[in-house]
mmCIF file of all heavy atoms, coordinates in Angstrom:
data_MODEL
# 
_entry.id   MODEL 
# 
loop_
_atom_site.group_PDB 
_atom_site.id 
_atom_site.type_symbol 
_atom_site.label_atom_id 
_atom_site.label_alt_id 
_atom_site.label_comp_id 
_atom_site.label_asym_id 
_atom_site.label_entity_id 
_atom_site.label_seq_id 
_atom_site.pdbx_PDB_ins_code 
_atom_site.Cartn_x 
_atom_site.Cartn_y 
_atom_site.Cartn_z 
_atom_site.occupancy 
_atom_site.B_iso_or_equiv 
_atom_site.pdbx_formal_charge 
_atom_site.auth_seq_id 
_atom_site.auth_comp_id 
_atom_site.auth_asym_id 
_atom_site.auth_atom_id 
_atom_site.pdbx_PDB_model_num 
ATOM 1   N N   . ILE A 1 1  ? 12.304 -19.526 -12.797 1.00 0.00 ? 1  ILE A N   1 
ATOM 2   C CA  . ILE A 1 1  ? 13.411 -19.228 -11.896 1.00 0.00 ? 1  ILE A CA  1 
ATOM 3   C C   . ILE A 1 1  ? 14.760 -19.528 -12.548 1.00 0.00 ? 1  ILE A C   1 
ATOM 4   O O   . ILE A 1 1  ? 14.991 -20.602 -13.087 1.00 0.00 ? 1  ILE A O   1 
ATOM 5   C CB  . ILE A 1 1  ? 13.264 -20.007 -10.597 1.00 0.00 ? 1  ILE A CB  1 
ATOM 6   C CG1 . ILE A 1 1  ? 12.066 -19.456 -9.800  1.00 0.00 ? 1  ILE A CG1 1 
ATOM 7   C CG2 . ILE A 1 1  ? 14.550 -19.929 -9.741  1.00 0.00 ? 1  ILE A CG2 1 
ATOM 8   C CD1 . ILE A 1 1  ? 11.704 -20.264 -8.590  1.00 0.00 ? 1  ILE A CD1 1 
ATOM 9   N N   . ARG A 1 2  ? 15.606 -18.528 -12.537 1.00 0.00 ? 2  ARG A N   1 
ATOM 10  C CA  . ARG A 1 2  ? 16.988 -18.691 -13.004 1.00 0.00 ? 2  ARG A CA  1 
ATOM 11  C C   . ARG A 1 2  ? 17.861 -18.745 -11.760 1.00 0.00 ? 2  ARG A C   1 
ATOM 12  O O   . ARG A 1 2  ? 17.768 -17.889 -10.915 1.00 0.00 ? 2  ARG A O   1 
ATOM 13  C CB  . ARG A 1 2  ? 17.402 -17.508 -13.887 1.00 0.00 ? 2  ARG A CB  1 
ATOM 14  C CG  . ARG A 1 2  ? 16.525 -17.339 -15.115 1.00 0.00 ? 2  ARG A CG  1 
ATOM 15  C CD  . ARG A 1 2  ? 16.783 -18.441 -16.146 1.00 0.00 ? 2  ARG A CD  1 
ATOM 16  N NE  . ARG A 1 2  ? 15.802 -18.447 -17.213 1.00 0.00 ? 2  ARG A NE  1 
ATOM 17  C CZ  . ARG A 1 2  ? 14.750 -19.239 -17.244 1.00 0.00 ? 2  ARG A CZ  1 
ATOM 18  N NH1 . ARG A 1 2  ? 14.482 -20.092 -16.247 1.00 0.00 ? 2  ARG A NH1 1 
ATOM 19  N NH2 . ARG A 1 2  ? 13.902 -19.206 -18.248 1.00 0.00 ? 2  ARG A NH2 1 
ATOM 20  N N   . ASP A 1 3  ? 18.720 -19.738 -11.712 1.00 0.00 ? 3  ASP A N   1 
ATOM 21  C CA  . ASP A 1 3  ? 19.365 -20.061 -10.448 1.00 0.00 ? 3  ASP A CA  1 
ATOM 22  C C   . ASP A 1 3  ? 20.192 -18.949 -9.832  1.00 0.00 ? 3  ASP A C   1 
ATOM 23  O O   . ASP A 1 3  ? 21.008 -18.325 -10.487 1.00 0.00 ? 3  ASP A O   1 
ATOM 24  C CB  . ASP A 1 3  ? 20.290 -21.276 -10.644 1.00 0.00 ? 3  ASP A CB  1 
ATOM 25  C CG  . ASP A 1 3  ? 19.465 -22.557 -10.713 1.00 0.00 ? 3  ASP A CG  1 
ATOM 26  O OD1 . ASP A 1 3  ? 18.243 -22.460 -10.510 1.00 0.00 ? 3  ASP A OD1 1 
ATOM 27  O OD2 . ASP A 1 3  ? 20.046 -23.606 -10.970 1.00 0.00 ? 3  ASP A OD2 1 
ATOM 28  N N   . GLY A 1 4  ? 19.916 -18.734 -8.568  1.00 0.00 ? 4  GLY A N   1 
ATOM 29  C CA  . GLY A 1 4  ? 20.850 -18.041 -7.688  1.00 0.00 ? 4  GLY A CA  1 
ATOM 30  C C   . GLY A 1 4  ? 21.115 -16.578 -7.932  1.00 0.00 ? 4  GLY A C   1 
ATOM 31  O O   . GLY A 1 4  ? 22.025 -16.011 -7.363  1.00 0.00 ? 4  GLY A O   1 
ATOM 32  N N   . GLN A 1 5  ? 20.304 -15.919 -8.751  1.00 0.00 ? 5  GLN A N   1 
ATOM 33  C CA  . GLN A 1 5  ? 20.511 -14.492 -8.952  1.00 0.00 ? 5  GLN A CA  1 
ATOM 34  C C   . GLN A 1 5  ? 19.557 -13.699 -8.081  1.00 0.00 ? 5  GLN A C   1 
ATOM 35  O O   . GLN A 1 5  ? 18.358 -13.994 -8.070  1.00 0.00 ? 5  GLN A O   1 
ATOM 36  C CB  . GLN A 1 5  ? 20.262 -14.113 -10.418 1.00 0.00 ? 5  GLN A CB  1 
ATOM 37  C CG  . GLN A 1 5  ? 21.223 -14.759 -11.391 1.00 0.00 ? 5  GLN A CG  1 
ATOM 38  C CD  . GLN A 1 5  ? 22.651 -14.395 -11.089 1.00 0.00 ? 5  GLN A CD  1 
ATOM 39  O OE1 . GLN A 1 5  ? 23.000 -13.238 -10.883 1.00 0.00 ? 5  GLN A OE1 1 
ATOM 40  N NE2 . GLN A 1 5  ? 23.523 -15.407 -11.074 1.00 0.00 ? 5  GLN A NE2 1 
ATOM 41  N N   . PRO A 1 6  ? 20.062 -12.683 -7.357  1.00 0.00 ? 6  PRO A N   1 
ATOM 42  C CA  . PRO A 1 6  ? 19.119 -11.824 -6.638  1.00 0.00 ? 6  PRO A CA  1 
ATOM 43  C C   . PRO A 1 6  ? 18.280 -11.061 -7.666  1.00 0.00 ? 6  PRO A C   1 
ATOM 44  O O   . PRO A 1 6  ? 18.817 -10.515 -8.615  1.00 0.00 ? 6  PRO A O   1 
ATOM 45  C CB  . PRO A 1 6  ? 20.014 -10.857 -5.865  1.00 0.00 ? 6  PRO A CB  1 
ATOM 46  C CG  . PRO A 1 6  ? 21.373 -11.451 -5.903  1.00 0.00 ? 6  PRO A CG  1 
ATOM 47  C CD  . PRO A 1 6  ? 21.447 -12.309 -7.120  1.00 0.00 ? 6  PRO A CD  1 
ATOM 48  N N   . ASN A 1 7  ? 16.962 -11.080 -7.480  1.00 0.00 ? 7  ASN A N   1 
ATOM 49  C CA  . ASN A 1 7  ? 16.076 -10.386 -8.386  1.00 0.00 ? 7  ASN A CA  1 
ATOM 50  C C   . ASN A 1 7  ? 15.197 -9.416  -7.635  1.00 0.00 ? 7  ASN A C   1 
ATOM 51  O O   . ASN A 1 7  ? 14.806 -9.679  -6.505  1.00 0.00 ? 7  ASN A O   1 
ATOM 52  C CB  . ASN A 1 7  ? 15.185 -11.388 -9.136  1.00 0.00 ? 7  ASN A CB  1 
ATOM 53  C CG  . ASN A 1 7  ? 15.899 -12.029 -10.299 1.00 0.00 ? 7  ASN A CG  1 
ATOM 54  O OD1 . ASN A 1 7  ? 16.379 -11.348 -11.202 1.00 0.00 ? 7  ASN A OD1 1 
ATOM 55  N ND2 . ASN A 1 7  ? 16.012 -13.347 -10.286 1.00 0.00 ? 7  ASN A ND2 1 
ATOM 56  N N   . CYS A 1 8  ? 14.861 -8.332  -8.298  1.00 0.00 ? 8  CYS A N   1 
ATOM 57  C CA  . CYS A 1 8  ? 13.985 -7.319  -7.728  1.00 0.00 ? 8  CYS A CA  1 
ATOM 58  C C   . CYS A 1 8  ? 12.617 -7.489  -8.387  1.00 0.00 ? 8  CYS A C   1 
ATOM 59  O O   . CYS A 1 8  ? 12.501 -7.464  -9.603  1.00 0.00 ? 8  CYS A O   1 
ATOM 60  C CB  . CYS A 1 8  ? 14.548 -5.942  -8.037  1.00 0.00 ? 8  CYS A CB  1 
ATOM 61  S SG  . CYS A 1 8  ? 13.504 -4.611  -7.471  1.00 0.00 ? 8  CYS A SG  1 
ATOM 62  N N   . TYR A 1 9  ? 11.589 -7.686  -7.559  1.00 0.00 ? 9  TYR A N   1 
ATOM 63  C CA  . TYR A 1 9  ? 10.219 -7.859  -8.076  1.00 0.00 ? 9  TYR A CA  1 
ATOM 64  C C   . TYR A 1 9  ? 9.348  -6.721  -7.598  1.00 0.00 ? 9  TYR A C   1 
ATOM 65  O O   . TYR A 1 9  ? 9.378  -6.363  -6.424  1.00 0.00 ? 9  TYR A O   1 
ATOM 66  C CB  . TYR A 1 9  ? 9.613  -9.179  -7.581  1.00 0.00 ? 9  TYR A CB  1 
ATOM 67  C CG  . TYR A 1 9  ? 10.351 -10.396 -8.088  1.00 0.00 ? 9  TYR A CG  1 
ATOM 68  C CD1 . TYR A 1 9  ? 11.393 -10.943 -7.360  1.00 0.00 ? 9  TYR A CD1 1 
ATOM 69  C CD2 . TYR A 1 9  ? 9.980  -10.999 -9.285  1.00 0.00 ? 9  TYR A CD2 1 
ATOM 70  C CE1 . TYR A 1 9  ? 12.066 -12.071 -7.810  1.00 0.00 ? 9  TYR A CE1 1 
ATOM 71  C CE2 . TYR A 1 9  ? 10.651 -12.121 -9.752  1.00 0.00 ? 9  TYR A CE2 1 
ATOM 72  C CZ  . TYR A 1 9  ? 11.686 -12.653 -9.014  1.00 0.00 ? 9  TYR A CZ  1 
ATOM 73  O OH  . TYR A 1 9  ? 12.362 -13.759 -9.470  1.00 0.00 ? 9  TYR A OH  1 
ATOM 74  N N   . VAL A 1 10 ? 8.562  -6.154  -8.523  1.00 0.00 ? 10 VAL A N   1 
ATOM 75  C CA  . VAL A 1 10 ? 7.609  -5.118  -8.151  1.00 0.00 ? 10 VAL A CA  1 
ATOM 76  C C   . VAL A 1 10 ? 6.444  -5.786  -7.446  1.00 0.00 ? 10 VAL A C   1 
ATOM 77  O O   . VAL A 1 10 ? 5.891  -6.773  -7.933  1.00 0.00 ? 10 VAL A O   1 
ATOM 78  C CB  . VAL A 1 10 ? 7.105  -4.372  -9.409  1.00 0.00 ? 10 VAL A CB  1 
ATOM 79  C CG1 . VAL A 1 10 ? 6.010  -3.376  -9.054  1.00 0.00 ? 10 VAL A CG1 1 
ATOM 80  C CG2 . VAL A 1 10 ? 8.268  -3.656  -10.075 1.00 0.00 ? 10 VAL A CG2 1 
ATOM 81  N N   . LEU A 1 11 ? 6.075  -5.275  -6.266  1.00 0.00 ? 11 LEU A N   1 
ATOM 82  C CA  . LEU A 1 11 ? 4.933  -5.829  -5.554  1.00 0.00 ? 11 LEU A CA  1 
ATOM 83  C C   . LEU A 1 11 ? 3.640  -5.462  -6.281  1.00 0.00 ? 11 LEU A C   1 
ATOM 84  O O   . LEU A 1 11 ? 3.455  -4.339  -6.731  1.00 0.00 ? 11 LEU A O   1 
ATOM 85  C CB  . LEU A 1 11 ? 4.899  -5.282  -4.121  1.00 0.00 ? 11 LEU A CB  1 
ATOM 86  C CG  . LEU A 1 11 ? 6.002  -5.845  -3.217  1.00 0.00 ? 11 LEU A CG  1 
ATOM 87  C CD1 . LEU A 1 11 ? 6.122  -5.032  -1.947  1.00 0.00 ? 11 LEU A CD1 1 
ATOM 88  C CD2 . LEU A 1 11 ? 5.762  -7.307  -2.889  1.00 0.00 ? 11 LEU A CD2 1 
ATOM 89  N N   . LYS A 1 12 ? 2.746  -6.459  -6.386  1.00 0.00 ? 12 LYS A N   1 
ATOM 90  C CA  . LYS A 1 12 ? 1.484  -6.279  -7.091  1.00 0.00 ? 12 LYS A CA  1 
ATOM 91  C C   . LYS A 1 12 ? 0.327  -6.232  -6.106  1.00 0.00 ? 12 LYS A C   1 
ATOM 92  O O   . LYS A 1 12 ? 0.464  -6.546  -4.926  1.00 0.00 ? 12 LYS A O   1 
ATOM 93  C CB  . LYS A 1 12 ? 1.266  -7.447  -8.061  1.00 0.00 ? 12 LYS A CB  1 
ATOM 94  C CG  . LYS A 1 12 ? 2.392  -7.613  -9.106  1.00 0.00 ? 12 LYS A CG  1 
ATOM 95  C CD  . LYS A 1 12 ? 2.208  -6.631  -10.234 1.00 0.00 ? 12 LYS A CD  1 
ATOM 96  C CE  . LYS A 1 12 ? 3.209  -6.839  -11.361 1.00 0.00 ? 12 LYS A CE  1 
ATOM 97  N NZ  . LYS A 1 12 ? 3.087  -8.149  -12.025 1.00 0.00 ? 12 LYS A NZ  1 
ATOM 98  N N   . ASN A 1 13 ? -0.852 -5.903  -6.631  1.00 0.00 ? 13 ASN A N   1 
ATOM 99  C CA  . ASN A 1 13 ? -2.053 -5.943  -5.792  1.00 0.00 ? 13 ASN A CA  1 
ATOM 100 C C   . ASN A 1 13 ? -2.516 -7.377  -5.622  1.00 0.00 ? 13 ASN A C   1 
ATOM 101 O O   . ASN A 1 13 ? -1.910 -8.311  -6.129  1.00 0.00 ? 13 ASN A O   1 
ATOM 102 C CB  . ASN A 1 13 ? -3.147 -5.039  -6.390  1.00 0.00 ? 13 ASN A CB  1 
ATOM 103 C CG  . ASN A 1 13 ? -3.635 -5.531  -7.733  1.00 0.00 ? 13 ASN A CG  1 
ATOM 104 O OD1 . ASN A 1 13 ? -3.111 -6.495  -8.305  1.00 0.00 ? 13 ASN A OD1 1 
ATOM 105 N ND2 . ASN A 1 13 ? -4.623 -4.850  -8.311  1.00 0.00 ? 13 ASN A ND2 1 
ATOM 106 N N   . LYS A 1 14 ? -3.629 -7.561  -4.878  1.00 0.00 ? 14 LYS A N   1 
ATOM 107 C CA  . LYS A 1 14 ? -4.044 -8.901  -4.480  1.00 0.00 ? 14 LYS A CA  1 
ATOM 108 C C   . LYS A 1 14 ? -4.291 -9.830  -5.660  1.00 0.00 ? 14 LYS A C   1 
ATOM 109 O O   . LYS A 1 14 ? -3.983 -11.006 -5.588  1.00 0.00 ? 14 LYS A O   1 
ATOM 110 C CB  . LYS A 1 14 ? -5.274 -8.854  -3.601  1.00 0.00 ? 14 LYS A CB  1 
ATOM 111 C CG  . LYS A 1 14 ? -4.974 -8.460  -2.180  1.00 0.00 ? 14 LYS A CG  1 
ATOM 112 C CD  . LYS A 1 14 ? -6.213 -8.523  -1.290  1.00 0.00 ? 14 LYS A CD  1 
ATOM 113 C CE  . LYS A 1 14 ? -5.828 -8.220  0.157   1.00 0.00 ? 14 LYS A CE  1 
ATOM 114 N NZ  . LYS A 1 14 ? -6.557 -7.076  0.725   1.00 0.00 ? 14 LYS A NZ  1 
ATOM 115 N N   . ASP A 1 15 ? -4.878 -9.292  -6.736  1.00 0.00 ? 15 ASP A N   1 
ATOM 116 C CA  . ASP A 1 15 ? -5.142 -10.198 -7.885  1.00 0.00 ? 15 ASP A CA  1 
ATOM 117 C C   . ASP A 1 15 ? -3.996 -10.156 -8.900  1.00 0.00 ? 15 ASP A C   1 
ATOM 118 O O   . ASP A 1 15 ? -4.138 -10.687 -9.998  1.00 0.00 ? 15 ASP A O   1 
ATOM 119 C CB  . ASP A 1 15 ? -6.487 -9.873  -8.535  1.00 0.00 ? 15 ASP A CB  1 
ATOM 120 C CG  . ASP A 1 15 ? -6.597 -8.407  -8.941  1.00 0.00 ? 15 ASP A CG  1 
ATOM 121 O OD1 . ASP A 1 15 ? -5.548 -7.729  -9.022  1.00 0.00 ? 15 ASP A OD1 1 
ATOM 122 O OD2 . ASP A 1 15 ? -7.709 -7.952  -9.189  1.00 0.00 ? 15 ASP A OD2 1 
ATOM 123 N N   . LEU A 1 16 ? -2.870 -9.549  -8.497  1.00 0.00 ? 16 LEU A N   1 
ATOM 124 C CA  . LEU A 1 16 ? -1.645 -9.535  -9.296  1.00 0.00 ? 16 LEU A CA  1 
ATOM 125 C C   . LEU A 1 16 ? -1.791 -8.819  -10.639 1.00 0.00 ? 16 LEU A C   1 
ATOM 126 O O   . LEU A 1 16 ? -1.020 -9.041  -11.559 1.00 0.00 ? 16 LEU A O   1 
ATOM 127 C CB  . LEU A 1 16 ? -1.161 -10.986 -9.558  1.00 0.00 ? 16 LEU A CB  1 
ATOM 128 C CG  . LEU A 1 16 ? -0.772 -11.766 -8.312  1.00 0.00 ? 16 LEU A CG  1 
ATOM 129 C CD1 . LEU A 1 16 ? -0.668 -13.256 -8.604  1.00 0.00 ? 16 LEU A CD1 1 
ATOM 130 C CD2 . LEU A 1 16 ? 0.526  -11.242 -7.751  1.00 0.00 ? 16 LEU A CD2 1 
ATOM 131 N N   . GLU A 1 17 ? -2.813 -7.946  -10.728 1.00 0.00 ? 17 GLU A N   1 
ATOM 132 C CA  . GLU A 1 17 ? -3.048 -7.321  -12.019 1.00 0.00 ? 17 GLU A CA  1 
ATOM 133 C C   . GLU A 1 17 ? -2.352 -5.984  -12.205 1.00 0.00 ? 17 GLU A C   1 
ATOM 134 O O   . GLU A 1 17 ? -2.150 -5.548  -13.312 1.00 0.00 ? 17 GLU A O   1 
ATOM 135 C CB  . GLU A 1 17 ? -4.548 -7.153  -12.264 1.00 0.00 ? 17 GLU A CB  1 
ATOM 136 C CG  . GLU A 1 17 ? -5.162 -8.490  -12.692 1.00 0.00 ? 17 GLU A CG  1 
ATOM 137 C CD  . GLU A 1 17 ? -6.664 -8.417  -12.899 1.00 0.00 ? 17 GLU A CD  1 
ATOM 138 O OE1 . GLU A 1 17 ? -7.223 -7.301  -12.807 1.00 0.00 ? 17 GLU A OE1 1 
ATOM 139 O OE2 . GLU A 1 17 ? -7.260 -9.478  -13.155 1.00 0.00 ? 17 GLU A OE2 1 
ATOM 140 N N   . GLN A 1 18 ? -2.020 -5.326  -11.097 1.00 0.00 ? 18 GLN A N   1 
ATOM 141 C CA  . GLN A 1 18 ? -1.303 -4.067  -11.250 1.00 0.00 ? 18 GLN A CA  1 
ATOM 142 C C   . GLN A 1 18 ? -0.323 -3.854  -10.116 1.00 0.00 ? 18 GLN A C   1 
ATOM 143 O O   . GLN A 1 18 ? -0.401 -4.513  -9.077  1.00 0.00 ? 18 GLN A O   1 
ATOM 144 C CB  . GLN A 1 18 ? -2.270 -2.879  -11.353 1.00 0.00 ? 18 GLN A CB  1 
ATOM 145 C CG  . GLN A 1 18 ? -3.227 -2.763  -10.198 1.00 0.00 ? 18 GLN A CG  1 
ATOM 146 C CD  . GLN A 1 18 ? -4.495 -2.050  -10.613 1.00 0.00 ? 18 GLN A CD  1 
ATOM 147 O OE1 . GLN A 1 18 ? -5.021 -2.270  -11.688 1.00 0.00 ? 18 GLN A OE1 1 
ATOM 148 N NE2 . GLN A 1 18 ? -4.999 -1.189  -9.742  1.00 0.00 ? 18 GLN A NE2 1 
ATOM 149 N N   . ALA A 1 19 ? 0.618  -2.954  -10.368 1.00 0.00 ? 19 ALA A N   1 
ATOM 150 C CA  . ALA A 1 19 ? 1.626  -2.669  -9.350  1.00 0.00 ? 19 ALA A CA  1 
ATOM 151 C C   . ALA A 1 19 ? 0.949  -2.061  -8.131  1.00 0.00 ? 19 ALA A C   1 
ATOM 152 O O   . ALA A 1 19 ? -0.019 -1.325  -8.237  1.00 0.00 ? 19 ALA A O   1 
ATOM 153 C CB  . ALA A 1 19 ? 2.662  -1.712  -9.916  1.00 0.00 ? 19 ALA A CB  1 
ATOM 154 N N   . PHE A 1 20 ? 1.459  -2.424  -6.952  1.00 0.00 ? 20 PHE A N   1 
ATOM 155 C CA  . PHE A 1 20 ? 0.908  -1.913  -5.697  1.00 0.00 ? 20 PHE A CA  1 
ATOM 156 C C   . PHE A 1 20 ? 1.830  -0.803  -5.216  1.00 0.00 ? 20 PHE A C   1 
ATOM 157 O O   . PHE A 1 20 ? 1.726  0.325   -5.634  1.00 0.00 ? 20 PHE A O   1 
ATOM 158 C CB  . PHE A 1 20 ? 0.770  -3.052  -4.690  1.00 0.00 ? 20 PHE A CB  1 
ATOM 159 C CG  . PHE A 1 20 ? -0.069 -2.732  -3.504  1.00 0.00 ? 20 PHE A CG  1 
ATOM 160 C CD1 . PHE A 1 20 ? -1.443 -2.572  -3.629  1.00 0.00 ? 20 PHE A CD1 1 
ATOM 161 C CD2 . PHE A 1 20 ? 0.499  -2.604  -2.253  1.00 0.00 ? 20 PHE A CD2 1 
ATOM 162 C CE1 . PHE A 1 20 ? -2.237 -2.266  -2.526  1.00 0.00 ? 20 PHE A CE1 1 
ATOM 163 C CE2 . PHE A 1 20 ? -0.282 -2.297  -1.146  1.00 0.00 ? 20 PHE A CE2 1 
ATOM 164 C CZ  . PHE A 1 20 ? -1.640 -2.136  -1.283  1.00 0.00 ? 20 PHE A CZ  1 
ATOM 165 N N   . LYS A 1 21 ? 2.770  -1.121  -4.331  1.00 0.00 ? 21 LYS A N   1 
ATOM 166 C CA  . LYS A 1 21 ? 3.764  -0.124  -3.925  1.00 0.00 ? 21 LYS A CA  1 
ATOM 167 C C   . LYS A 1 21 ? 4.987  -0.855  -3.417  1.00 0.00 ? 21 LYS A C   1 
ATOM 168 O O   . LYS A 1 21 ? 4.866  -1.780  -2.627  1.00 0.00 ? 21 LYS A O   1 
ATOM 169 C CB  . LYS A 1 21 ? 3.209  0.790   -2.818  1.00 0.00 ? 21 LYS A CB  1 
ATOM 170 C CG  . LYS A 1 21 ? 4.233  1.778   -2.263  1.00 0.00 ? 21 LYS A CG  1 
ATOM 171 C CD  . LYS A 1 21 ? 3.568  3.122   -1.971  1.00 0.00 ? 21 LYS A CD  1 
ATOM 172 C CE  . LYS A 1 21 ? 4.478  4.148   -1.303  1.00 0.00 ? 21 LYS A CE  1 
ATOM 173 N NZ  . LYS A 1 21 ? 5.865  4.171   -1.733  1.00 0.00 ? 21 LYS A NZ  1 
ATOM 174 N N   . GLY A 1 22 ? 6.138  -0.434  -3.864  1.00 0.00 ? 22 GLY A N   1 
ATOM 175 C CA  . GLY A 1 22 ? 7.376  -1.024  -3.361  1.00 0.00 ? 22 GLY A CA  1 
ATOM 176 C C   . GLY A 1 22 ? 7.850  -2.237  -4.168  1.00 0.00 ? 22 GLY A C   1 
ATOM 177 O O   . GLY A 1 22 ? 7.207  -2.685  -5.112  1.00 0.00 ? 22 GLY A O   1 
ATOM 178 N N   . VAL A 1 23 ? 8.999  -2.728  -3.754  1.00 0.00 ? 23 VAL A N   1 
ATOM 179 C CA  . VAL A 1 23 ? 9.628  -3.870  -4.418  1.00 0.00 ? 23 VAL A CA  1 
ATOM 180 C C   . VAL A 1 23 ? 10.142 -4.835  -3.373  1.00 0.00 ? 23 VAL A C   1 
ATOM 181 O O   . VAL A 1 23 ? 10.326 -4.484  -2.205  1.00 0.00 ? 23 VAL A O   1 
ATOM 182 C CB  . VAL A 1 23 ? 10.820 -3.423  -5.321  1.00 0.00 ? 23 VAL A CB  1 
ATOM 183 C CG1 . VAL A 1 23 ? 10.352 -2.545  -6.460  1.00 0.00 ? 23 VAL A CG1 1 
ATOM 184 C CG2 . VAL A 1 23 ? 11.891 -2.705  -4.491  1.00 0.00 ? 23 VAL A CG2 1 
ATOM 185 N N   . ILE A 1 24 ? 10.383 -6.078  -3.810  1.00 0.00 ? 24 ILE A N   1 
ATOM 186 C CA  . ILE A 1 24 ? 10.970 -7.069  -2.921  1.00 0.00 ? 24 ILE A CA  1 
ATOM 187 C C   . ILE A 1 24 ? 12.116 -7.750  -3.646  1.00 0.00 ? 24 ILE A C   1 
ATOM 188 O O   . ILE A 1 24 ? 12.072 -7.944  -4.876  1.00 0.00 ? 24 ILE A O   1 
ATOM 189 C CB  . ILE A 1 24 ? 9.900  -8.089  -2.448  1.00 0.00 ? 24 ILE A CB  1 
ATOM 190 C CG1 . ILE A 1 24 ? 10.485 -8.995  -1.342  1.00 0.00 ? 24 ILE A CG1 1 
ATOM 191 C CG2 . ILE A 1 24 ? 9.339  -8.879  -3.600  1.00 0.00 ? 24 ILE A CG2 1 
ATOM 192 C CD1 . ILE A 1 24 ? 9.420  -9.790  -0.599  1.00 0.00 ? 24 ILE A CD1 1 
ATOM 193 N N   . TYR A 1 25 ? 13.164 -8.058  -2.880  1.00 0.00 ? 25 TYR A N   1 
ATOM 194 C CA  . TYR A 1 25 ? 14.346 -8.699  -3.436  1.00 0.00 ? 25 TYR A CA  1 
ATOM 195 C C   . TYR A 1 25 ? 14.403 -10.153 -2.980  1.00 0.00 ? 25 TYR A C   1 
ATOM 196 O O   . TYR A 1 25 ? 14.404 -10.423 -1.779  1.00 0.00 ? 25 TYR A O   1 
ATOM 197 C CB  . TYR A 1 25 ? 15.619 -7.971  -2.963  1.00 0.00 ? 25 TYR A CB  1 
ATOM 198 C CG  . TYR A 1 25 ? 15.757 -6.579  -3.534  1.00 0.00 ? 25 TYR A CG  1 
ATOM 199 C CD1 . TYR A 1 25 ? 15.115 -5.508  -2.922  1.00 0.00 ? 25 TYR A CD1 1 
ATOM 200 C CD2 . TYR A 1 25 ? 16.522 -6.336  -4.685  1.00 0.00 ? 25 TYR A CD2 1 
ATOM 201 C CE1 . TYR A 1 25 ? 15.225 -4.226  -3.449  1.00 0.00 ? 25 TYR A CE1 1 
ATOM 202 C CE2 . TYR A 1 25 ? 16.629 -5.059  -5.207  1.00 0.00 ? 25 TYR A CE2 1 
ATOM 203 C CZ  . TYR A 1 25 ? 15.988 -4.002  -4.580  1.00 0.00 ? 25 TYR A CZ  1 
ATOM 204 O OH  . TYR A 1 25 ? 16.115 -2.731  -5.114  1.00 0.00 ? 25 TYR A OH  1 
ATOM 205 N N   . LEU A 1 26 ? 14.416 -11.054 -3.935  1.00 0.00 ? 26 LEU A N   1 
ATOM 206 C CA  . LEU A 1 26 ? 14.438 -12.484 -3.648  1.00 0.00 ? 26 LEU A CA  1 
ATOM 207 C C   . LEU A 1 26 ? 15.563 -13.144 -4.435  1.00 0.00 ? 26 LEU A C   1 
ATOM 208 O O   . LEU A 1 26 ? 15.871 -12.747 -5.554  1.00 0.00 ? 26 LEU A O   1 
ATOM 209 C CB  . LEU A 1 26 ? 13.116 -13.139 -4.075  1.00 0.00 ? 26 LEU A CB  1 
ATOM 210 C CG  . LEU A 1 26 ? 11.835 -12.570 -3.476  1.00 0.00 ? 26 LEU A CG  1 
ATOM 211 C CD1 . LEU A 1 26 ? 10.620 -13.150 -4.193  1.00 0.00 ? 26 LEU A CD1 1 
ATOM 212 C CD2 . LEU A 1 26 ? 11.755 -12.864 -1.986  1.00 0.00 ? 26 LEU A CD2 1 
ATOM 213 N N   . GLU A 1 27 ? 16.140 -14.169 -3.829  1.00 0.00 ? 27 GLU A N   1 
ATOM 214 C CA  . GLU A 1 27 ? 17.168 -14.944 -4.502  1.00 0.00 ? 27 GLU A CA  1 
ATOM 215 C C   . GLU A 1 27 ? 16.708 -16.401 -4.420  1.00 0.00 ? 27 GLU A C   1 
ATOM 216 O O   . GLU A 1 27 ? 16.451 -16.902 -3.335  1.00 0.00 ? 27 GLU A O   1 
ATOM 217 C CB  . GLU A 1 27 ? 18.478 -14.753 -3.749  1.00 0.00 ? 27 GLU A CB  1 
ATOM 218 C CG  . GLU A 1 27 ? 19.710 -15.237 -4.477  1.00 0.00 ? 27 GLU A CG  1 
ATOM 219 C CD  . GLU A 1 27 ? 20.935 -14.911 -3.626  1.00 0.00 ? 27 GLU A CD  1 
ATOM 220 O OE1 . GLU A 1 27 ? 21.198 -13.728 -3.343  1.00 0.00 ? 27 GLU A OE1 1 
ATOM 221 O OE2 . GLU A 1 27 ? 21.636 -15.878 -3.255  1.00 0.00 ? 27 GLU A OE2 1 
ATOM 222 N N   . MET A 1 28 ? 16.565 -17.047 -5.578  1.00 0.00 ? 28 MET A N   1 
ATOM 223 C CA  . MET A 1 28 ? 15.987 -18.381 -5.582  1.00 0.00 ? 28 MET A CA  1 
ATOM 224 C C   . MET A 1 28 ? 16.857 -19.406 -6.293  1.00 0.00 ? 28 MET A C   1 
ATOM 225 O O   . MET A 1 28 ? 17.490 -19.079 -7.291  1.00 0.00 ? 28 MET A O   1 
ATOM 226 C CB  . MET A 1 28 ? 14.608 -18.338 -6.223  1.00 0.00 ? 28 MET A CB  1 
ATOM 227 C CG  . MET A 1 28 ? 13.609 -17.642 -5.317  1.00 0.00 ? 28 MET A CG  1 
ATOM 228 S SD  . MET A 1 28 ? 12.079 -17.227 -6.148  1.00 0.00 ? 28 MET A SD  1 
ATOM 229 C CE  . MET A 1 28 ? 12.655 -15.995 -7.278  1.00 0.00 ? 28 MET A CE  1 
ATOM 230 N N   . ASP A 1 29 ? 16.863 -20.589 -5.748  1.00 0.00 ? 29 ASP A N   1 
ATOM 231 C CA  . ASP A 1 29 ? 17.625 -21.680 -6.331  1.00 0.00 ? 29 ASP A CA  1 
ATOM 232 C C   . ASP A 1 29 ? 16.765 -22.925 -6.409  1.00 0.00 ? 29 ASP A C   1 
ATOM 233 O O   . ASP A 1 29 ? 16.144 -23.309 -5.419  1.00 0.00 ? 29 ASP A O   1 
ATOM 234 C CB  . ASP A 1 29 ? 18.829 -22.024 -5.433  1.00 0.00 ? 29 ASP A CB  1 
ATOM 235 C CG  . ASP A 1 29 ? 20.134 -21.567 -6.057  1.00 0.00 ? 29 ASP A CG  1 
ATOM 236 O OD1 . ASP A 1 29 ? 20.292 -21.773 -7.275  1.00 0.00 ? 29 ASP A OD1 1 
ATOM 237 O OD2 . ASP A 1 29 ? 20.969 -21.000 -5.338  1.00 0.00 ? 29 ASP A OD2 1 
# 
């Protein structure tokens, strides 16, 4: 985590091995 930057993450499948559909935007500190 790099502080305070909004990031766009590609949503993955249940075992996190491949892209699923869509993206999510998270900002973490």
